[in-house]
Amino acid sequence: MADVPITPVVAAHGGIAAVPQVMAAADNYIVRNNGRVLLFFRKTGAGAATITVVTPKLVSGLAVAELTFNVPATTGEVWAGPFNPDTFNDPSGDLDVSTSEDTGITMDSVQI
């Protein structure tokens, strides 16, 4: 699995022009997170995708369950976030995001 760095586009009053990142099931997507990051997933391909956002946090020595959600097939559009850095960030201050199915799926990240 390759780590693919994603830089969130900063929201602006005049609008933004985000460039969607095509996702591959074999890769992890690393997104810098300040607690004000939203992720947008669009699925145009057949088959729903399960998105996983890693939660490296431990509570009383127990792992916090990973956040998972589905992006429906063909016309699925899902927003997720914001993500609490205390729960979701790795030691570098990043989110780790992956997909289970990569036919026609893209991800955008926006910092609000």
N, C-alpha and C. Protein backbone atom coordinates (compact mmCIF):
# COMPACT_ATOMS: atom_id res chain seq x y z
N MET A 1 0.84 -1.19 0.00
CA MET A 1 0.00 0.00 0.00
C MET A 1 0.87 1.25 0.00
N ALA A 2 0.56 2.15 -0.88
CA ALA A 2 1.27 3.42 -0.93
C ALA A 2 0.51 4.47 -0.12
N ASP A 3 1.25 5.35 0.54
CA ASP A 3 0.64 6.49 1.21
C ASP A 3 0.58 7.64 0.21
N VAL A 4 -0.63 8.15 -0.02
CA VAL A 4 -0.83 9.23 -0.98
C VAL A 4 -1.19 10.49 -0.19
N PRO A 5 -0.31 11.50 -0.15
CA PRO A 5 -0.62 12.71 0.60
C PRO A 5 -1.66 13.57 -0.13
N ILE A 6 -2.61 14.08 0.64
CA ILE A 6 -3.67 14.94 0.11
C ILE A 6 -3.63 16.25 0.90
N THR A 7 -3.54 17.37 0.21
CA THR A 7 -3.55 18.68 0.87
C THR A 7 -4.95 19.26 0.77
N PRO A 8 -5.61 19.52 1.91
CA PRO A 8 -6.94 20.12 1.85
C PRO A 8 -6.92 21.49 1.20
N VAL A 9 -7.94 21.77 0.40
CA VAL A 9 -8.14 23.09 -0.19
C VAL A 9 -8.80 23.96 0.87
N VAL A 10 -8.31 25.17 1.07
CA VAL A 10 -8.87 26.07 2.08
C VAL A 10 -10.10 26.76 1.50
N ALA A 11 -11.23 26.65 2.22
CA ALA A 11 -12.48 27.27 1.78
C ALA A 11 -12.30 28.79 1.73
N ALA A 12 -12.98 29.43 0.78
CA ALA A 12 -12.90 30.87 0.60
C ALA A 12 -14.27 31.43 0.24
N HIS A 13 -14.51 32.70 0.58
CA HIS A 13 -15.80 33.33 0.29
C HIS A 13 -16.13 33.29 -1.19
N GLY A 14 -15.14 33.43 -2.03
CA GLY A 14 -15.37 33.45 -3.48
C GLY A 14 -15.48 32.08 -4.11
N GLY A 15 -15.43 31.03 -3.30
CA GLY A 15 -15.52 29.67 -3.82
C GLY A 15 -14.14 29.05 -4.00
N ILE A 16 -14.13 27.76 -4.24
CA ILE A 16 -12.87 27.03 -4.43
C ILE A 16 -12.99 26.13 -5.65
N ALA A 17 -11.86 25.78 -6.20
CA ALA A 17 -11.82 24.84 -7.32
C ALA A 17 -10.98 23.65 -6.87
N ALA A 18 -11.63 22.69 -6.25
CA ALA A 18 -10.93 21.50 -5.78
C ALA A 18 -10.68 20.55 -6.95
N VAL A 19 -9.61 19.80 -6.86
CA VAL A 19 -9.29 18.78 -7.86
C VAL A 19 -9.46 17.43 -7.19
N PRO A 20 -10.48 16.65 -7.59
CA PRO A 20 -10.73 15.37 -6.93
C PRO A 20 -9.55 14.41 -7.10
N GLN A 21 -9.28 13.64 -6.04
CA GLN A 21 -8.25 12.60 -6.06
C GLN A 21 -8.92 11.27 -6.38
N VAL A 22 -8.51 10.63 -7.47
CA VAL A 22 -9.01 9.29 -7.78
C VAL A 22 -8.43 8.34 -6.74
N MET A 23 -9.30 7.51 -6.16
CA MET A 23 -8.86 6.60 -5.10
C MET A 23 -8.61 5.19 -5.64
N ALA A 24 -7.64 4.51 -5.03
CA ALA A 24 -7.35 3.11 -5.33
C ALA A 24 -7.44 2.33 -4.03
N ALA A 25 -8.04 1.14 -4.08
CA ALA A 25 -8.21 0.33 -2.88
C ALA A 25 -6.87 -0.08 -2.27
N ALA A 26 -5.82 -0.09 -3.07
CA ALA A 26 -4.50 -0.52 -2.59
C ALA A 26 -3.75 0.58 -1.85
N ASP A 27 -4.28 1.81 -1.82
CA ASP A 27 -3.54 2.93 -1.23
C ASP A 27 -4.21 3.46 0.03
N ASN A 28 -3.41 4.17 0.85
CA ASN A 28 -3.91 4.93 2.00
C ASN A 28 -3.76 6.40 1.64
N TYR A 29 -4.75 7.20 1.99
CA TYR A 29 -4.75 8.63 1.69
C TYR A 29 -4.51 9.38 2.99
N ILE A 30 -3.46 10.19 3.01
CA ILE A 30 -3.00 10.87 4.20
C ILE A 30 -3.38 12.35 4.07
N VAL A 31 -4.24 12.82 4.98
CA VAL A 31 -4.79 14.18 4.90
C VAL A 31 -4.43 14.93 6.17
N ARG A 32 -3.75 16.09 6.02
CA ARG A 32 -3.44 16.93 7.17
C ARG A 32 -4.75 17.41 7.79
N ASN A 33 -4.88 17.27 9.14
CA ASN A 33 -6.14 17.56 9.80
C ASN A 33 -5.93 18.51 10.98
N ASN A 34 -6.61 19.66 10.93
CA ASN A 34 -6.57 20.61 12.03
C ASN A 34 -7.90 20.63 12.80
N GLY A 35 -8.75 19.65 12.54
CA GLY A 35 -10.06 19.60 13.19
C GLY A 35 -11.14 20.32 12.41
N ARG A 36 -10.78 20.95 11.30
CA ARG A 36 -11.75 21.66 10.47
C ARG A 36 -11.70 21.18 9.03
N VAL A 37 -11.44 19.89 8.87
CA VAL A 37 -11.35 19.29 7.53
C VAL A 37 -12.59 18.46 7.25
N LEU A 38 -13.15 18.67 6.06
CA LEU A 38 -14.27 17.86 5.57
C LEU A 38 -13.78 17.06 4.37
N LEU A 39 -14.28 15.84 4.24
CA LEU A 39 -13.96 15.00 3.09
C LEU A 39 -15.23 14.79 2.27
N PHE A 40 -15.09 14.84 0.95
CA PHE A 40 -16.22 14.62 0.05
C PHE A 40 -15.87 13.47 -0.88
N PHE A 41 -16.75 12.47 -0.90
CA PHE A 41 -16.55 11.28 -1.73
C PHE A 41 -17.64 11.23 -2.79
N ARG A 42 -17.24 10.93 -4.03
CA ARG A 42 -18.19 10.79 -5.13
C ARG A 42 -17.92 9.44 -5.80
N LYS A 43 -18.99 8.65 -6.00
CA LYS A 43 -18.87 7.31 -6.58
C LYS A 43 -19.70 7.26 -7.85
N THR A 44 -19.05 7.02 -8.99
CA THR A 44 -19.77 6.89 -10.25
C THR A 44 -19.74 5.46 -10.77
N GLY A 45 -18.91 4.62 -10.18
CA GLY A 45 -18.79 3.24 -10.62
C GLY A 45 -19.75 2.30 -9.93
N ALA A 46 -19.88 1.11 -10.51
CA ALA A 46 -20.74 0.08 -9.93
C ALA A 46 -20.13 -0.42 -8.63
N GLY A 47 -20.97 -0.78 -7.69
CA GLY A 47 -20.52 -1.31 -6.41
C GLY A 47 -20.28 -0.21 -5.40
N ALA A 48 -20.92 -0.34 -4.24
CA ALA A 48 -20.71 0.62 -3.15
C ALA A 48 -19.29 0.48 -2.61
N ALA A 49 -18.80 1.55 -1.99
CA ALA A 49 -17.47 1.54 -1.38
C ALA A 49 -17.62 1.79 0.11
N THR A 50 -16.86 1.07 0.91
CA THR A 50 -16.76 1.34 2.34
C THR A 50 -15.51 2.16 2.57
N ILE A 51 -15.69 3.33 3.18
CA ILE A 51 -14.58 4.21 3.51
C ILE A 51 -14.20 3.96 4.96
N THR A 52 -12.90 3.88 5.23
CA THR A 52 -12.40 3.71 6.59
C THR A 52 -11.51 4.89 6.94
N VAL A 53 -11.80 5.52 8.09
CA VAL A 53 -10.94 6.56 8.64
C VAL A 53 -10.35 5.97 9.92
N VAL A 54 -9.03 5.83 9.96
CA VAL A 54 -8.36 5.18 11.08
C VAL A 54 -8.46 6.04 12.33
N THR A 55 -8.67 5.39 13.47
CA THR A 55 -8.68 6.07 14.77
C THR A 55 -7.56 5.47 15.62
N PRO A 56 -6.39 6.12 15.65
CA PRO A 56 -5.27 5.57 16.39
C PRO A 56 -5.36 5.74 17.91
N LYS A 57 -6.39 6.42 18.38
CA LYS A 57 -6.51 6.73 19.81
C LYS A 57 -6.78 5.47 20.64
N LEU A 58 -6.22 5.47 21.84
CA LEU A 58 -6.50 4.45 22.84
C LEU A 58 -7.19 5.11 24.02
N VAL A 59 -8.19 4.44 24.60
CA VAL A 59 -8.86 4.90 25.80
C VAL A 59 -8.73 3.79 26.83
N SER A 60 -8.06 4.08 27.93
CA SER A 60 -7.79 3.07 28.96
C SER A 60 -7.13 1.83 28.36
N GLY A 61 -6.25 2.04 27.39
CA GLY A 61 -5.53 0.95 26.76
C GLY A 61 -6.31 0.21 25.69
N LEU A 62 -7.54 0.62 25.43
CA LEU A 62 -8.38 -0.04 24.43
C LEU A 62 -8.46 0.81 23.17
N ALA A 63 -8.40 0.16 22.02
CA ALA A 63 -8.45 0.87 20.75
C ALA A 63 -9.85 1.40 20.48
N VAL A 64 -9.93 2.62 19.98
CA VAL A 64 -11.20 3.19 19.52
C VAL A 64 -11.49 2.59 18.14
N ALA A 65 -12.73 2.16 17.94
CA ALA A 65 -13.11 1.53 16.66
C ALA A 65 -12.91 2.50 15.50
N GLU A 66 -12.47 1.97 14.36
CA GLU A 66 -12.30 2.78 13.16
C GLU A 66 -13.66 3.33 12.72
N LEU A 67 -13.67 4.51 12.13
CA LEU A 67 -14.89 5.07 11.56
C LEU A 67 -15.06 4.51 10.15
N THR A 68 -16.20 3.88 9.89
CA THR A 68 -16.49 3.38 8.55
C THR A 68 -17.86 3.88 8.11
N PHE A 69 -17.99 4.13 6.82
CA PHE A 69 -19.28 4.51 6.24
C PHE A 69 -19.27 4.14 4.77
N ASN A 70 -20.45 4.06 4.18
CA ASN A 70 -20.59 3.64 2.79
C ASN A 70 -20.84 4.82 1.86
N VAL A 71 -20.28 4.70 0.66
CA VAL A 71 -20.58 5.61 -0.44
C VAL A 71 -21.34 4.76 -1.46
N PRO A 72 -22.63 5.06 -1.70
CA PRO A 72 -23.44 4.23 -2.60
C PRO A 72 -22.89 4.19 -4.03
N ALA A 73 -23.20 3.11 -4.71
CA ALA A 73 -22.76 2.91 -6.10
C ALA A 73 -23.43 3.90 -7.04
N THR A 74 -22.78 4.18 -8.14
CA THR A 74 -23.25 4.90 -9.31
C THR A 74 -23.47 6.39 -9.10
N THR A 75 -24.26 6.79 -8.11
CA THR A 75 -24.56 8.21 -7.92
C THR A 75 -24.28 8.66 -6.48
N GLY A 76 -23.46 7.92 -5.76
CA GLY A 76 -23.22 8.23 -4.35
C GLY A 76 -22.37 9.47 -4.15
N GLU A 77 -22.83 10.34 -3.26
CA GLU A 77 -22.08 11.52 -2.84
C GLU A 77 -22.20 11.62 -1.33
N VAL A 78 -21.07 11.63 -0.62
CA VAL A 78 -21.07 11.63 0.84
C VAL A 78 -20.04 12.64 1.35
N TRP A 79 -20.47 13.50 2.28
CA TRP A 79 -19.57 14.38 3.02
C TRP A 79 -19.30 13.74 4.37
N ALA A 80 -18.07 13.88 4.88
CA ALA A 80 -17.73 13.38 6.21
C ALA A 80 -16.84 14.40 6.91
N GLY A 81 -16.95 14.46 8.24
CA GLY A 81 -16.13 15.37 9.03
C GLY A 81 -17.00 16.44 9.66
N PRO A 82 -16.41 17.33 10.40
CA PRO A 82 -14.98 17.43 10.70
C PRO A 82 -14.53 16.30 11.64
N PHE A 83 -13.22 16.13 11.77
CA PHE A 83 -12.62 15.03 12.51
C PHE A 83 -11.82 15.58 13.68
N ASN A 84 -12.20 15.17 14.90
CA ASN A 84 -11.51 15.61 16.11
C ASN A 84 -10.06 15.11 16.06
N PRO A 85 -9.08 16.01 16.07
CA PRO A 85 -7.68 15.58 15.99
C PRO A 85 -7.27 14.62 17.10
N ASP A 86 -7.83 14.80 18.29
CA ASP A 86 -7.47 13.92 19.42
C ASP A 86 -7.85 12.47 19.15
N THR A 87 -8.90 12.27 18.39
CA THR A 87 -9.38 10.91 18.09
C THR A 87 -8.80 10.37 16.80
N PHE A 88 -8.71 11.20 15.77
CA PHE A 88 -8.41 10.71 14.42
C PHE A 88 -6.98 10.94 13.93
N ASN A 89 -6.25 11.89 14.50
CA ASN A 89 -4.92 12.19 13.97
C ASN A 89 -3.88 11.18 14.41
N ASP A 90 -2.96 10.86 13.48
CA ASP A 90 -1.79 10.07 13.84
C ASP A 90 -0.77 11.02 14.48
N PRO A 91 0.38 10.52 14.95
CA PRO A 91 1.36 11.41 15.59
C PRO A 91 1.87 12.55 14.70
N SER A 92 1.72 12.43 13.38
CA SER A 92 2.14 13.49 12.46
C SER A 92 1.06 14.54 12.23
N GLY A 93 -0.14 14.34 12.80
CA GLY A 93 -1.24 15.29 12.62
C GLY A 93 -2.08 15.04 11.39
N ASP A 94 -2.08 13.79 10.93
CA ASP A 94 -2.78 13.44 9.69
C ASP A 94 -3.90 12.43 9.92
N LEU A 95 -4.90 12.47 9.02
CA LEU A 95 -5.91 11.43 8.91
C LEU A 95 -5.38 10.35 7.97
N ASP A 96 -5.81 9.12 8.20
CA ASP A 96 -5.47 7.99 7.32
C ASP A 96 -6.79 7.44 6.80
N VAL A 97 -7.03 7.57 5.49
CA VAL A 97 -8.31 7.22 4.87
C VAL A 97 -8.08 6.17 3.79
N SER A 98 -9.00 5.20 3.69
CA SER A 98 -8.90 4.19 2.63
C SER A 98 -10.29 3.81 2.14
N THR A 99 -10.34 3.15 0.98
CA THR A 99 -11.59 2.68 0.40
C THR A 99 -11.49 1.18 0.13
N SER A 100 -12.64 0.51 0.20
CA SER A 100 -12.67 -0.93 -0.06
C SER A 100 -12.86 -1.25 -1.54
N GLU A 101 -13.38 -0.30 -2.29
CA GLU A 101 -13.74 -0.54 -3.70
C GLU A 101 -13.37 0.71 -4.48
N ASP A 102 -12.67 0.54 -5.60
CA ASP A 102 -12.11 1.72 -6.26
C ASP A 102 -12.58 1.97 -7.68
N THR A 103 -13.71 1.41 -8.06
CA THR A 103 -14.24 1.68 -9.40
C THR A 103 -14.98 3.01 -9.38
N GLY A 104 -14.41 4.03 -10.01
CA GLY A 104 -15.09 5.32 -10.13
C GLY A 104 -15.34 6.03 -8.82
N ILE A 105 -14.32 6.10 -7.94
CA ILE A 105 -14.50 6.85 -6.69
C ILE A 105 -13.41 7.91 -6.57
N THR A 106 -13.83 9.11 -6.14
CA THR A 106 -12.90 10.21 -5.91
C THR A 106 -13.13 10.79 -4.53
N MET A 107 -12.10 11.51 -4.03
CA MET A 107 -12.18 12.17 -2.73
C MET A 107 -11.64 13.58 -2.88
N ASP A 108 -12.34 14.53 -2.27
CA ASP A 108 -11.87 15.90 -2.13
C ASP A 108 -11.71 16.17 -0.64
N SER A 109 -10.79 17.06 -0.27
CA SER A 109 -10.68 17.48 1.13
C SER A 109 -10.71 19.01 1.16
N VAL A 110 -11.50 19.53 2.10
CA VAL A 110 -11.69 20.97 2.23
C VAL A 110 -11.48 21.35 3.69
N GLN A 111 -10.68 22.38 3.90
CA GLN A 111 -10.49 22.92 5.25
C GLN A 111 -11.40 24.12 5.40
N ILE A 112 -12.27 24.09 6.40
CA ILE A 112 -13.20 25.20 6.62
C ILE A 112 -12.67 26.14 7.69
